[in-house]
């Protein structure tokens, strides 16, 4: 298990609060272990695997925030001043989109061979 210090100091992560890190680290590590079972995954450096776990955890946290309704603000009012922005299309949070994003995160730090 990676500690929060690695996430914040080595990876440079700031999105995931320390109290929520264990849950997201556990799920990200499980996702990476799944890839390692079904594909040939190789890492160039000793820190590459922990960095991949952090990247997946960041993506998982971002999706959790979107599901919780913590997306982009489209309208703000302070006193008599208000600002509206054009509606932004909602990000794709489907299982297929998530899987593609997690796979992309791993590829930042590892080489994945899926066979011929």
PDB file of N, CA and C in Angstrom:
ATOM      1  N   UNK A   1       0.837  -1.177   0.000  1.00  0.00           N
ATOM      2  CA  UNK A   1       0.000   0.000   0.000  1.00  0.00           C
ATOM      3  C   UNK A   1       0.885   1.245   0.000  1.00  0.00           C
ATOM      4  N   UNK A   2       0.558   2.174  -0.880  1.00  0.00           N
ATOM      5  CA  UNK A   2       1.287   3.436  -0.939  1.00  0.00           C
ATOM      6  C   UNK A   2       0.768   4.382   0.134  1.00  0.00           C
ATOM      7  N   UNK A   3       1.669   5.099   0.741  1.00  0.00           N
ATOM      8  CA  UNK A   3       1.200   6.071   1.721  1.00  0.00           C
ATOM      9  C   UNK A   3       0.900   7.408   1.033  1.00  0.00           C
ATOM     10  N   UNK A   4       0.163   8.224   1.730  1.00  0.00           N
ATOM     11  CA  UNK A   4      -0.270   9.511   1.183  1.00  0.00           C
ATOM     12  C   UNK A   4       0.924  10.418   0.892  1.00  0.00           C
ATOM     13  N   UNK A   5       1.990  10.245   1.652  1.00  0.00           N
ATOM     14  CA  UNK A   5       3.189  11.061   1.434  1.00  0.00           C
ATOM     15  C   UNK A   5       3.758  10.841   0.033  1.00  0.00           C
ATOM     16  N   UNK A   6       3.777   9.592  -0.438  1.00  0.00           N
ATOM     17  CA  UNK A   6       4.255   9.335  -1.796  1.00  0.00           C
ATOM     18  C   UNK A   6       3.358  10.049  -2.800  1.00  0.00           C
ATOM     19  N   UNK A   7       2.048   9.930  -2.610  1.00  0.00           N
ATOM     20  CA  UNK A   7       1.094  10.581  -3.516  1.00  0.00           C
ATOM     21  C   UNK A   7       1.330  12.087  -3.575  1.00  0.00           C
ATOM     22  N   UNK A   8       1.475  12.718  -2.433  1.00  0.00           N
ATOM     23  CA  UNK A   8       1.593  14.178  -2.413  1.00  0.00           C
ATOM     24  C   UNK A   8       3.001  14.674  -2.744  1.00  0.00           C
ATOM     25  N   UNK A   9       4.034  13.990  -2.258  1.00  0.00           N
ATOM     26  CA  UNK A   9       5.401  14.478  -2.446  1.00  0.00           C
ATOM     27  C   UNK A   9       6.049  14.001  -3.743  1.00  0.00           C
ATOM     28  N   UNK A  10       5.995  12.716  -4.010  1.00  0.00           N
ATOM     29  CA  UNK A  10       6.664  12.168  -5.192  1.00  0.00           C
ATOM     30  C   UNK A  10       5.825  12.330  -6.460  1.00  0.00           C
ATOM     31  N   UNK A  11       4.566  11.953  -6.383  1.00  0.00           N
ATOM     32  CA  UNK A  11       3.672  12.064  -7.544  1.00  0.00           C
ATOM     33  C   UNK A  11       3.238  13.513  -7.760  1.00  0.00           C
ATOM     34  N   UNK A  12       3.132  14.264  -6.687  1.00  0.00           N
ATOM     35  CA  UNK A  12       2.696  15.657  -6.781  1.00  0.00           C
ATOM     36  C   UNK A  12       1.191  15.816  -6.794  1.00  0.00           C
ATOM     37  N   UNK A  13       0.493  14.813  -6.273  1.00  0.00           N
ATOM     38  CA  UNK A  13      -0.966  14.856  -6.257  1.00  0.00           C
ATOM     39  C   UNK A  13      -1.505  15.810  -5.211  1.00  0.00           C
ATOM     40  N   UNK A  14      -2.581  16.502  -5.579  1.00  0.00           N
ATOM     41  CA  UNK A  14      -3.219  17.437  -4.654  1.00  0.00           C
ATOM     42  C   UNK A  14      -4.733  17.254  -4.605  1.00  0.00           C
ATOM     43  N   UNK A  15      -5.292  16.484  -5.507  1.00  0.00           N
ATOM     44  CA  UNK A  15      -6.751  16.384  -5.621  1.00  0.00           C
ATOM     45  C   UNK A  15      -7.381  15.564  -4.499  1.00  0.00           C
ATOM     46  N   UNK A  16      -6.772  14.458  -4.140  1.00  0.00           N
ATOM     47  CA  UNK A  16      -7.384  13.533  -3.183  1.00  0.00           C
ATOM     48  C   UNK A  16      -7.015  13.937  -1.754  1.00  0.00           C
ATOM     49  N   UNK A  17      -8.007  14.182  -0.895  1.00  0.00           N
ATOM     50  CA  UNK A  17      -7.710  14.482   0.513  1.00  0.00           C
ATOM     51  C   UNK A  17      -7.096  13.261   1.208  1.00  0.00           C
ATOM     52  N   UNK A  18      -6.232  13.508   2.175  1.00  0.00           N
ATOM     53  CA  UNK A  18      -5.547  12.430   2.881  1.00  0.00           C
ATOM     54  C   UNK A  18      -6.473  11.402   3.491  1.00  0.00           C
ATOM     55  N   UNK A  19      -7.601  11.835   4.022  1.00  0.00           N
ATOM     56  CA  UNK A  19      -8.523  10.895   4.675  1.00  0.00           C
ATOM     57  C   UNK A  19      -9.199   9.961   3.666  1.00  0.00           C
ATOM     58  N   UNK A  20      -9.253  10.366   2.397  1.00  0.00           N
ATOM     59  CA  UNK A  20      -9.881   9.537   1.363  1.00  0.00           C
ATOM     60  C   UNK A  20      -8.873   8.721   0.566  1.00  0.00           C
ATOM     61  N   UNK A  21      -7.579   8.982   0.757  1.00  0.00           N
ATOM     62  CA  UNK A  21      -6.540   8.313  -0.012  1.00  0.00           C
ATOM     63  C   UNK A  21      -6.579   6.784   0.087  1.00  0.00           C
ATOM     64  N   UNK A  22      -6.699   6.179   1.277  1.00  0.00           N
ATOM     65  CA  UNK A  22      -6.652   4.711   1.346  1.00  0.00           C
ATOM     66  C   UNK A  22      -7.682   4.022   0.450  1.00  0.00           C
ATOM     67  N   UNK A  23      -8.889   4.548   0.394  1.00  0.00           N
ATOM     68  CA  UNK A  23      -9.936   3.944  -0.439  1.00  0.00           C
ATOM     69  C   UNK A  23      -9.575   4.016  -1.923  1.00  0.00           C
ATOM     70  N   UNK A  24      -9.137   5.165  -2.389  1.00  0.00           N
ATOM     71  CA  UNK A  24      -8.819   5.323  -3.807  1.00  0.00           C
ATOM     72  C   UNK A  24      -7.531   4.599  -4.178  1.00  0.00           C
ATOM     73  N   UNK A  25      -6.564   4.572  -3.268  1.00  0.00           N
ATOM     74  CA  UNK A  25      -5.323   3.833  -3.526  1.00  0.00           C
ATOM     75  C   UNK A  25      -5.609   2.345  -3.648  1.00  0.00           C
ATOM     76  N   UNK A  26      -6.463   1.816  -2.772  1.00  0.00           N
ATOM     77  CA  UNK A  26      -6.817   0.397  -2.802  1.00  0.00           C
ATOM     78  C   UNK A  26      -7.489   0.034  -4.125  1.00  0.00           C
ATOM     79  N   UNK A  27      -8.458   0.846  -4.552  1.00  0.00           N
ATOM     80  CA  UNK A  27      -9.177   0.562  -5.793  1.00  0.00           C
ATOM     81  C   UNK A  27      -8.274   0.713  -7.017  1.00  0.00           C
ATOM     82  N   UNK A  28      -7.399   1.714  -6.997  1.00  0.00           N
ATOM     83  CA  UNK A  28      -6.477   1.919  -8.114  1.00  0.00           C
ATOM     84  C   UNK A  28      -5.480   0.767  -8.210  1.00  0.00           C
ATOM     85  N   UNK A  29      -4.976   0.317  -7.073  1.00  0.00           N
ATOM     86  CA  UNK A  29      -4.048  -0.812  -7.066  1.00  0.00           C
ATOM     87  C   UNK A  29      -4.734  -2.076  -7.580  1.00  0.00           C
ATOM     88  N   UNK A  30      -5.980  -2.273  -7.207  1.00  0.00           N
ATOM     89  CA  UNK A  30      -6.730  -3.441  -7.694  1.00  0.00           C
ATOM     90  C   UNK A  30      -6.907  -3.374  -9.208  1.00  0.00           C
ATOM     91  N   UNK A  31      -7.178  -2.183  -9.733  1.00  0.00           N
ATOM     92  CA  UNK A  31      -7.324  -2.027 -11.186  1.00  0.00           C
ATOM     93  C   UNK A  31      -6.011  -2.342 -11.889  1.00  0.00           C
ATOM     94  N   UNK A  32      -4.900  -1.863 -11.340  1.00  0.00           N
ATOM     95  CA  UNK A  32      -3.600  -2.131 -11.939  1.00  0.00           C
ATOM     96  C   UNK A  32      -3.246  -3.616 -11.850  1.00  0.00           C
ATOM     97  N   UNK A  33      -3.561  -4.254 -10.730  1.00  0.00           N
ATOM     98  CA  UNK A  33      -3.318  -5.697 -10.615  1.00  0.00           C
ATOM     99  C   UNK A  33      -4.134  -6.472 -11.643  1.00  0.00           C
ATOM    100  N   UNK A  34      -5.332  -6.008 -11.929  1.00  0.00           N
ATOM    101  CA  UNK A  34      -6.161  -6.640 -12.965  1.00  0.00           C
ATOM    102  C   UNK A  34      -5.454  -6.557 -14.318  1.00  0.00           C
ATOM    103  N   UNK A  35      -4.939  -5.381 -14.667  1.00  0.00           N
ATOM    104  CA  UNK A  35      -4.198  -5.236 -15.928  1.00  0.00           C
ATOM    105  C   UNK A  35      -2.988  -6.165 -15.948  1.00  0.00           C
ATOM    106  N   UNK A  36      -2.301  -6.288 -14.817  1.00  0.00           N
ATOM    107  CA  UNK A  36      -1.119  -7.141 -14.752  1.00  0.00           C
ATOM    108  C   UNK A  36      -1.470  -8.616 -14.907  1.00  0.00           C
ATOM    109  N   UNK A  37      -2.682  -8.994 -14.538  1.00  0.00           N
ATOM    110  CA  UNK A  37      -3.115 -10.384 -14.715  1.00  0.00           C
ATOM    111  C   UNK A  37      -3.449 -10.699 -16.170  1.00  0.00           C
ATOM    112  N   UNK A  38      -4.078  -9.766 -16.868  1.00  0.00           N
ATOM    113  CA  UNK A  38      -4.567 -10.080 -18.212  1.00  0.00           C
ATOM    114  C   UNK A  38      -3.640  -9.610 -19.330  1.00  0.00           C
ATOM    115  N   UNK A  39      -2.702  -8.709 -19.034  1.00  0.00           N
ATOM    116  CA  UNK A  39      -1.746  -8.221 -20.031  1.00  0.00           C
ATOM    117  C   UNK A  39      -0.329  -8.403 -19.495  1.00  0.00           C
ATOM    118  N   UNK A  40       0.644  -8.193 -20.365  1.00  0.00           N
ATOM    119  CA  UNK A  40       2.033  -8.136 -19.938  1.00  0.00           C
ATOM    120  C   UNK A  40       2.366  -6.669 -19.703  1.00  0.00           C
ATOM    121  N   UNK A  41       2.576  -6.306 -18.450  1.00  0.00           N
ATOM    122  CA  UNK A  41       2.841  -4.912 -18.083  1.00  0.00           C
ATOM    123  C   UNK A  41       4.286  -4.822 -17.602  1.00  0.00           C
ATOM    124  N   UNK A  42       5.055  -3.909 -18.189  1.00  0.00           N
ATOM    125  CA  UNK A  42       6.442  -3.732 -17.752  1.00  0.00           C
ATOM    126  C   UNK A  42       6.681  -2.271 -17.382  1.00  0.00           C
ATOM    127  N   UNK A  43       7.552  -2.084 -16.400  1.00  0.00           N
ATOM    128  CA  UNK A  43       7.850  -0.759 -15.864  1.00  0.00           C
ATOM    129  C   UNK A  43       9.324  -0.452 -16.085  1.00  0.00           C
ATOM    130  N   UNK A  44       9.618   0.758 -16.550  1.00  0.00           N
ATOM    131  CA  UNK A  44      10.997   1.159 -16.835  1.00  0.00           C
ATOM    132  C   UNK A  44      11.785   1.498 -15.569  1.00  0.00           C
ATOM    133  N   UNK A  45      11.097   2.019 -14.559  1.00  0.00           N
ATOM    134  CA  UNK A  45      11.771   2.436 -13.324  1.00  0.00           C
ATOM    135  C   UNK A  45      11.058   1.843 -12.114  1.00  0.00           C
ATOM    136  N   UNK A  46      11.712   1.909 -10.969  1.00  0.00           N
ATOM    137  CA  UNK A  46      11.117   1.389  -9.736  1.00  0.00           C
ATOM    138  C   UNK A  46       9.890   2.187  -9.303  1.00  0.00           C
ATOM    139  N   UNK A  47       9.878   3.480  -9.598  1.00  0.00           N
ATOM    140  CA  UNK A  47       8.753   4.323  -9.195  1.00  0.00           C
ATOM    141  C   UNK A  47       7.592   4.302 -10.184  1.00  0.00           C
ATOM    142  N   UNK A  48       7.748   3.651 -11.315  1.00  0.00           N
ATOM    143  CA  UNK A  48       6.710   3.695 -12.352  1.00  0.00           C
ATOM    144  C   UNK A  48       5.396   3.064 -11.885  1.00  0.00           C
ATOM    145  N   UNK A  49       5.460   1.926 -11.212  1.00  0.00           N
ATOM    146  CA  UNK A  49       4.219   1.286 -10.766  1.00  0.00           C
ATOM    147  C   UNK A  49       3.483   2.137  -9.732  1.00  0.00           C
ATOM    148  N   UNK A  50       4.174   2.630  -8.684  1.00  0.00           N
ATOM    149  CA  UNK A  50       3.469   3.499  -7.740  1.00  0.00           C
ATOM    150  C   UNK A  50       2.907   4.762  -8.398  1.00  0.00           C
ATOM    151  N   UNK A  51       3.621   5.303  -9.381  1.00  0.00           N
ATOM    152  CA  UNK A  51       3.122   6.487 -10.082  1.00  0.00           C
ATOM    153  C   UNK A  51       1.857   6.143 -10.866  1.00  0.00           C
ATOM    154  N   UNK A  52       1.813   4.957 -11.468  1.00  0.00           N
ATOM    155  CA  UNK A  52       0.612   4.529 -12.194  1.00  0.00           C
ATOM    156  C   UNK A  52      -0.571   4.383 -11.243  1.00  0.00           C
ATOM    157  N   UNK A  53      -0.326   3.838 -10.060  1.00  0.00           N
ATOM    158  CA  UNK A  53      -1.396   3.717  -9.060  1.00  0.00           C
ATOM    159  C   UNK A  53      -1.934   5.102  -8.710  1.00  0.00           C
ATOM    160  N   UNK A  54      -1.048   6.056  -8.518  1.00  0.00           N
ATOM    161  CA  UNK A  54      -1.477   7.418  -8.184  1.00  0.00           C
ATOM    162  C   UNK A  54      -2.290   8.040  -9.316  1.00  0.00           C
ATOM    163  N   UNK A  55      -1.866   7.822 -10.550  1.00  0.00           N
ATOM    164  CA  UNK A  55      -2.589   8.383 -11.696  1.00  0.00           C
ATOM    165  C   UNK A  55      -3.995   7.801 -11.796  1.00  0.00           C
ATOM    166  N   UNK A  56      -4.108   6.490 -11.608  1.00  0.00           N
ATOM    167  CA  UNK A  56      -5.433   5.860 -11.645  1.00  0.00           C
ATOM    168  C   UNK A  56      -6.283   6.374 -10.486  1.00  0.00           C
ATOM    169  N   UNK A  57      -5.690   6.494  -9.307  1.00  0.00           N
ATOM    170  CA  UNK A  57      -6.433   6.995  -8.140  1.00  0.00           C
ATOM    171  C   UNK A  57      -6.953   8.403  -8.396  1.00  0.00           C
ATOM    172  N   UNK A  58      -6.135   9.257  -9.011  1.00  0.00           N
ATOM    173  CA  UNK A  58      -6.582  10.609  -9.349  1.00  0.00           C
ATOM    174  C   UNK A  58      -7.783  10.565 -10.292  1.00  0.00           C
ATOM    175  N   UNK A  59      -7.720   9.696 -11.297  1.00  0.00           N
ATOM    176  CA  UNK A  59      -8.836   9.578 -12.243  1.00  0.00           C
ATOM    177  C   UNK A  59     -10.089   9.071 -11.535  1.00  0.00           C
ATOM    178  N   UNK A  60      -9.928   8.081 -10.668  1.00  0.00           N
ATOM    179  CA  UNK A  60     -11.075   7.553  -9.922  1.00  0.00           C
ATOM    180  C   UNK A  60     -11.696   8.629  -9.039  1.00  0.00           C
ATOM    181  N   UNK A  61     -10.851   9.436  -8.415  1.00  0.00           N
ATOM    182  CA  UNK A  61     -11.355  10.511  -7.561  1.00  0.00           C
ATOM    183  C   UNK A  61     -12.106  11.552  -8.395  1.00  0.00           C
ATOM    184  N   UNK A  62     -11.580  11.876  -9.562  1.00  0.00           N
ATOM    185  CA  UNK A  62     -12.251  12.849 -10.436  1.00  0.00           C
ATOM    186  C   UNK A  62     -13.632  12.347 -10.841  1.00  0.00           C
ATOM    187  N   UNK A  63     -13.736  11.071 -11.189  1.00  0.00           N
ATOM    188  CA  UNK A  63     -15.048  10.502 -11.534  1.00  0.00           C
ATOM    189  C   UNK A  63     -15.985  10.516 -10.324  1.00  0.00           C
ATOM    190  N   UNK A  64     -15.463  10.237  -9.149  1.00  0.00           N
ATOM    191  CA  UNK A  64     -16.291  10.266  -7.935  1.00  0.00           C
ATOM    192  C   UNK A  64     -16.820  11.676  -7.684  1.00  0.00           C
ATOM    193  N   UNK A  65     -15.990  12.676  -7.926  1.00  0.00           N
ATOM    194  CA  UNK A  65     -16.422  14.061  -7.752  1.00  0.00           C
ATOM    195  C   UNK A  65     -17.503  14.437  -8.763  1.00  0.00           C
ATOM    196  N   UNK A  66     -17.361  13.970  -9.990  1.00  0.00           N
ATOM    197  CA  UNK A  66     -18.392  14.236 -11.003  1.00  0.00           C
ATOM    198  C   UNK A  66     -19.715  13.596 -10.607  1.00  0.00           C
ATOM    199  N   UNK A  67     -19.650  12.365 -10.101  1.00  0.00           N
ATOM    200  CA  UNK A  67     -20.873  11.678  -9.676  1.00  0.00           C
ATOM    201  C   UNK A  67     -21.527  12.372  -8.486  1.00  0.00           C
ATOM    202  N   UNK A  68     -20.721  12.985  -7.642  1.00  0.00           N
ATOM    203  CA  UNK A  68     -21.246  13.668  -6.461  1.00  0.00           C
ATOM    204  C   UNK A  68     -21.806  15.049  -6.799  1.00  0.00           C
ATOM    205  N   UNK A  69     -21.709  15.432  -8.065  1.00  0.00           N
ATOM    206  CA  UNK A  69     -22.231  16.729  -8.479  1.00  0.00           C
ATOM    207  C   UNK A  69     -21.279  17.874  -8.253  1.00  0.00           C
ATOM    208  N   UNK A  70     -20.006  17.583  -8.121  1.00  0.00           N
ATOM    209  CA  UNK A  70     -19.011  18.628  -7.896  1.00  0.00           C
ATOM    210  C   UNK A  70     -18.303  19.004  -9.188  1.00  0.00           C
ATOM    211  N   UNK A  71     -19.061  19.104 -10.265  1.00  0.00           N
ATOM    212  CA  UNK A  71     -18.499  19.450 -11.570  1.00  0.00           C
ATOM    213  C   UNK A  71     -18.258  20.942 -11.697  1.00  0.00           C
ATOM    214  N   UNK A  72     -18.141  21.402 -12.921  1.00  0.00           N
ATOM    215  CA  UNK A  72     -17.848  22.807 -13.192  1.00  0.00           C
ATOM    216  C   UNK A  72     -19.032  23.703 -12.850  1.00  0.00           C
ATOM    217  N   UNK A  73     -18.717  24.864 -12.304  1.00  0.00           N
ATOM    218  CA  UNK A  73     -19.741  25.863 -11.986  1.00  0.00           C
ATOM    219  C   UNK A  73     -20.092  26.593 -13.272  1.00  0.00           C
ATOM    220  N   UNK A  74     -21.389  26.763 -13.540  1.00  0.00           N
ATOM    221  CA  UNK A  74     -21.818  27.434 -14.760  1.00  0.00           C
ATOM    222  C   UNK A  74     -22.398  28.813 -14.490  1.00  0.00           C
ATOM    223  N   UNK A  75     -22.753  29.119 -13.258  1.00  0.00           N
ATOM    224  CA  UNK A  75     -23.346  30.408 -12.931  1.00  0.00           C
ATOM    225  C   UNK A  75     -22.948  30.805 -11.513  1.00  0.00           C
ATOM    226  N   UNK A  76     -22.551  32.080 -11.359  1.00  0.00           N
ATOM    227  CA  UNK A  76     -22.130  32.579 -10.052  1.00  0.00           C
ATOM    228  C   UNK A  76     -22.770  33.941  -9.816  1.00  0.00           C
ATOM    229  N   UNK A  77     -23.267  34.175  -8.612  1.00  0.00           N
ATOM    230  CA  UNK A  77     -23.823  35.481  -8.242  1.00  0.00           C
ATOM    231  C   UNK A  77     -23.245  35.919  -6.904  1.00  0.00           C
ATOM    232  N   UNK A  78     -22.783  37.172  -6.862  1.00  0.00           N
ATOM    233  CA  UNK A  78     -22.315  37.774  -5.616  1.00  0.00           C
ATOM    234  C   UNK A  78     -22.955  39.153  -5.541  1.00  0.00           C
ATOM    235  N   UNK A  79     -23.879  39.309  -4.625  1.00  0.00           N
ATOM    236  CA  UNK A  79     -24.600  40.573  -4.521  1.00  0.00           C
ATOM    237  C   UNK A  79     -25.370  40.854  -5.798  1.00  0.00           C
ATOM    238  N   UNK A  80     -25.104  42.018  -6.404  1.00  0.00           N
ATOM    239  CA  UNK A  80     -25.806  42.379  -7.640  1.00  0.00           C
ATOM    240  C   UNK A  80     -25.033  41.980  -8.888  1.00  0.00           C
ATOM    241  N   UNK A  81     -23.886  41.348  -8.722  1.00  0.00           N
ATOM    242  CA  UNK A  81     -23.064  40.939  -9.863  1.00  0.00           C
ATOM    243  C   UNK A  81     -23.243  39.445 -10.098  1.00  0.00           C
ATOM    244  N   UNK A  82     -23.499  39.096 -11.352  1.00  0.00           N
ATOM    245  CA  UNK A  82     -23.616  37.672 -11.682  1.00  0.00           C
ATOM    246  C   UNK A  82     -22.895  37.391 -12.986  1.00  0.00           C
ATOM    247  N   UNK A  83     -22.470  36.155 -13.132  1.00  0.00           N
ATOM    248  CA  UNK A  83     -21.805  35.727 -14.355  1.00  0.00           C
ATOM    249  C   UNK A  83     -22.343  34.364 -14.739  1.00  0.00           C
ATOM    250  N   UNK A  84     -22.681  34.230 -16.008  1.00  0.00           N
ATOM    251  CA  UNK A  84     -23.152  32.954 -16.550  1.00  0.00           C
ATOM    252  C   UNK A  84     -22.209  32.519 -17.652  1.00  0.00           C
ATOM    253  N   UNK A  85     -21.973  31.249 -17.718  1.00  0.00           N
ATOM    254  CA  UNK A  85     -21.131  30.698 -18.779  1.00  0.00           C
ATOM    255  C   UNK A  85     -21.959  29.725 -19.587  1.00  0.00           C
ATOM    256  N   UNK A  86     -21.559  29.543 -20.813  1.00  0.00           N
ATOM    257  CA  UNK A  86     -22.271  28.608 -21.677  1.00  0.00           C
ATOM    258  C   UNK A  86     -22.232  27.219 -21.062  1.00  0.00           C
ATOM    259  N   UNK A  87     -23.304  26.506 -21.248  1.00  0.00           N
ATOM    260  CA  UNK A  87     -23.381  25.144 -20.718  1.00  0.00           C
ATOM    261  C   UNK A  87     -22.285  24.284 -21.343  1.00  0.00           C
ATOM    262  N   UNK A  88     -21.606  23.583 -20.499  1.00  0.00           N
ATOM    263  CA  UNK A  88     -20.544  22.686 -20.942  1.00  0.00           C
ATOM    264  C   UNK A  88     -21.122  21.283 -20.997  1.00  0.00           C
ATOM    265  N   UNK A  89     -20.879  20.553 -22.084  1.00  0.00           N
ATOM    266  CA  UNK A  89     -21.403  19.188 -22.111  1.00  0.00           C
ATOM    267  C   UNK A  89     -20.817  18.360 -20.969  1.00  0.00           C
ATOM    268  N   UNK A  90     -21.634  17.536 -20.404  1.00  0.00           N
ATOM    269  CA  UNK A  90     -21.193  16.700 -19.288  1.00  0.00           C
ATOM    270  C   UNK A  90     -20.132  15.710 -19.766  1.00  0.00           C
ATOM    271  N   UNK A  91     -19.094  15.513 -18.968  1.00  0.00           N
ATOM    272  CA  UNK A  91     -18.072  14.525 -19.332  1.00  0.00           C
ATOM    273  C   UNK A  91     -18.674  13.122 -19.381  1.00  0.00           C
ATOM    274  N   UNK A  92     -18.092  12.293 -20.203  1.00  0.00           N
ATOM    275  CA  UNK A  92     -18.539  10.906 -20.329  1.00  0.00           C
ATOM    276  C   UNK A  92     -18.052  10.130 -19.111  1.00  0.00           C
ATOM    277  N   UNK A  93     -18.984   9.670 -18.302  1.00  0.00           N
ATOM    278  CA  UNK A  93     -18.623   8.898 -17.106  1.00  0.00           C
ATOM    279  C   UNK A  93     -19.064   7.443 -17.221  1.00  0.00           C
ATOM    280  N   UNK A  94     -19.278   6.997 -18.440  1.00  0.00           N
ATOM    281  CA  UNK A  94     -19.700   5.612 -18.650  1.00  0.00           C
ATOM    282  C   UNK A  94     -18.580   4.655 -18.237  1.00  0.00           C
ATOM    283  N   UNK A  95     -18.923   3.407 -17.961  1.00  0.00           N
ATOM    284  CA  UNK A  95     -17.881   2.429 -17.619  1.00  0.00           C
ATOM    285  C   UNK A  95     -16.805   2.303 -18.703  1.00  0.00           C
ATOM    286  N   UNK A  96     -17.200   2.396 -19.970  1.00  0.00           N
ATOM    287  CA  UNK A  96     -16.222   2.295 -21.057  1.00  0.00           C
ATOM    288  C   UNK A  96     -15.258   3.483 -21.038  1.00  0.00           C
ATOM    289  N   UNK A  97     -15.783   4.669 -20.781  1.00  0.00           N
ATOM    290  CA  UNK A  97     -14.926   5.859 -20.718  1.00  0.00           C
ATOM    291  C   UNK A  97     -13.973   5.777 -19.531  1.00  0.00           C
ATOM    292  N   UNK A  98     -14.472   5.295 -18.419  1.00  0.00           N
ATOM    293  CA  UNK A  98     -13.616   5.137 -17.236  1.00  0.00           C
ATOM    294  C   UNK A  98     -12.501   4.133 -17.514  1.00  0.00           C
ATOM    295  N   UNK A  99     -12.857   3.006 -18.104  1.00  0.00           N
ATOM    296  CA  UNK A  99     -11.854   1.980 -18.408  1.00  0.00           C
ATOM    297  C   UNK A  99     -10.776   2.537 -19.334  1.00  0.00           C
ATOM    298  N   UNK A 100     -11.194   3.298 -20.333  1.00  0.00           N
ATOM    299  CA  UNK A 100     -10.229   3.893 -21.262  1.00  0.00           C
ATOM    300  C   UNK A 100      -9.314   4.880 -20.543  1.00  0.00           C
ATOM    301  N   UNK A 101      -9.865   5.658 -19.627  1.00  0.00           N
ATOM    302  CA  UNK A 101      -9.056   6.632 -18.880  1.00  0.00           C
ATOM    303  C   UNK A 101      -8.077   5.935 -17.938  1.00  0.00           C
ATOM    304  N   UNK A 102      -8.513   4.894 -17.259  1.00  0.00           N
ATOM    305  CA  UNK A 102      -7.615   4.163 -16.361  1.00  0.00           C
ATOM    306  C   UNK A 102      -6.475   3.524 -17.158  1.00  0.00           C
ATOM    307  N   UNK A 103      -6.800   2.972 -18.307  1.00  0.00           N
ATOM    308  CA  UNK A 103      -5.791   2.355 -19.172  1.00  0.00           C
ATOM    309  C   UNK A 103      -4.793   3.417 -19.642  1.00  0.00           C
ATOM    310  N   UNK A 104      -5.314   4.592 -20.011  1.00  0.00           N
ATOM    311  CA  UNK A 104      -4.450   5.693 -20.441  1.00  0.00           C
ATOM    312  C   UNK A 104      -3.505   6.101 -19.311  1.00  0.00           C
ATOM    313  N   UNK A 105      -4.016   6.149 -18.093  1.00  0.00           N
ATOM    314  CA  UNK A 105      -3.193   6.509 -16.936  1.00  0.00           C
ATOM    315  C   UNK A 105      -2.040   5.529 -16.752  1.00  0.00           C
ATOM    316  N   UNK A 106      -2.310   4.254 -16.899  1.00  0.00           N
ATOM    317  CA  UNK A 106      -1.257   3.243 -16.757  1.00  0.00           C
ATOM    318  C   UNK A 106      -0.208   3.429 -17.843  1.00  0.00           C
ATOM    319  N   UNK A 107      -0.651   3.715 -19.063  1.00  0.00           N
ATOM    320  CA  UNK A 107       0.281   3.862 -20.177  1.00  0.00           C
ATOM    321  C   UNK A 107       1.237   5.040 -20.008  1.00  0.00           C
ATOM    322  N   UNK A 108       0.917   5.980 -19.139  1.00  0.00           N
ATOM    323  CA  UNK A 108       1.839   7.081 -18.872  1.00  0.00           C
ATOM    324  C   UNK A 108       3.112   6.589 -18.192  1.00  0.00           C
ATOM    325  N   UNK A 109       3.023   5.471 -17.482  1.00  0.00           N
ATOM    326  CA  UNK A 109       4.139   4.990 -16.670  1.00  0.00           C
ATOM    327  C   UNK A 109       4.581   3.567 -16.995  1.00  0.00           C
ATOM    328  N   UNK A 110       3.860   2.875 -17.848  1.00  0.00           N
ATOM    329  CA  UNK A 110       4.177   1.471 -18.121  1.00  0.00           C
ATOM    330  C   UNK A 110       3.970   1.155 -19.595  1.00  0.00           C
ATOM    331  N   UNK A 111       4.581   0.069 -20.010  1.00  0.00           N
ATOM    332  CA  UNK A 111       4.352  -0.469 -21.344  1.00  0.00           C
ATOM    333  C   UNK A 111       3.429  -1.666 -21.185  1.00  0.00           C
ATOM    334  N   UNK A 112       2.342  -1.670 -21.943  1.00  0.00           N
ATOM    335  CA  UNK A 112       1.358  -2.748 -21.848  1.00  0.00           C
ATOM    336  C   UNK A 112       1.327  -3.499 -23.166  1.00  0.00           C
ATOM    337  N   UNK A 113       1.601  -4.798 -23.093  1.00  0.00           N
ATOM    338  CA  UNK A 113       1.529  -5.647 -24.274  1.00  0.00           C
ATOM    339  C   UNK A 113       0.257  -6.465 -24.181  1.00  0.00           C
ATOM    340  N   UNK A 114      -0.617  -6.291 -25.175  1.00  0.00           N
ATOM    341  CA  UNK A 114      -1.919  -6.955 -25.158  1.00  0.00           C
ATOM    342  C   UNK A 114      -1.961  -8.181 -26.064  1.00  0.00           C
ATOM    343  N   UNK A 115      -0.849  -8.584 -26.599  1.00  0.00           N
ATOM    344  CA  UNK A 115      -0.836  -9.740 -27.486  1.00  0.00           C
ATOM    345  C   UNK A 115      -1.068  -9.319 -28.923  1.00  0.00           C
ATOM    346  N   UNK A 116      -0.973 -10.295 -29.813  1.00  0.00           N
ATOM    347  CA  UNK A 116      -1.140  -9.965 -31.234  1.00  0.00           C
ATOM    348  C   UNK A 116      -2.524 -10.252 -31.738  1.00  0.00           C
TER     349      UNK A 116
END
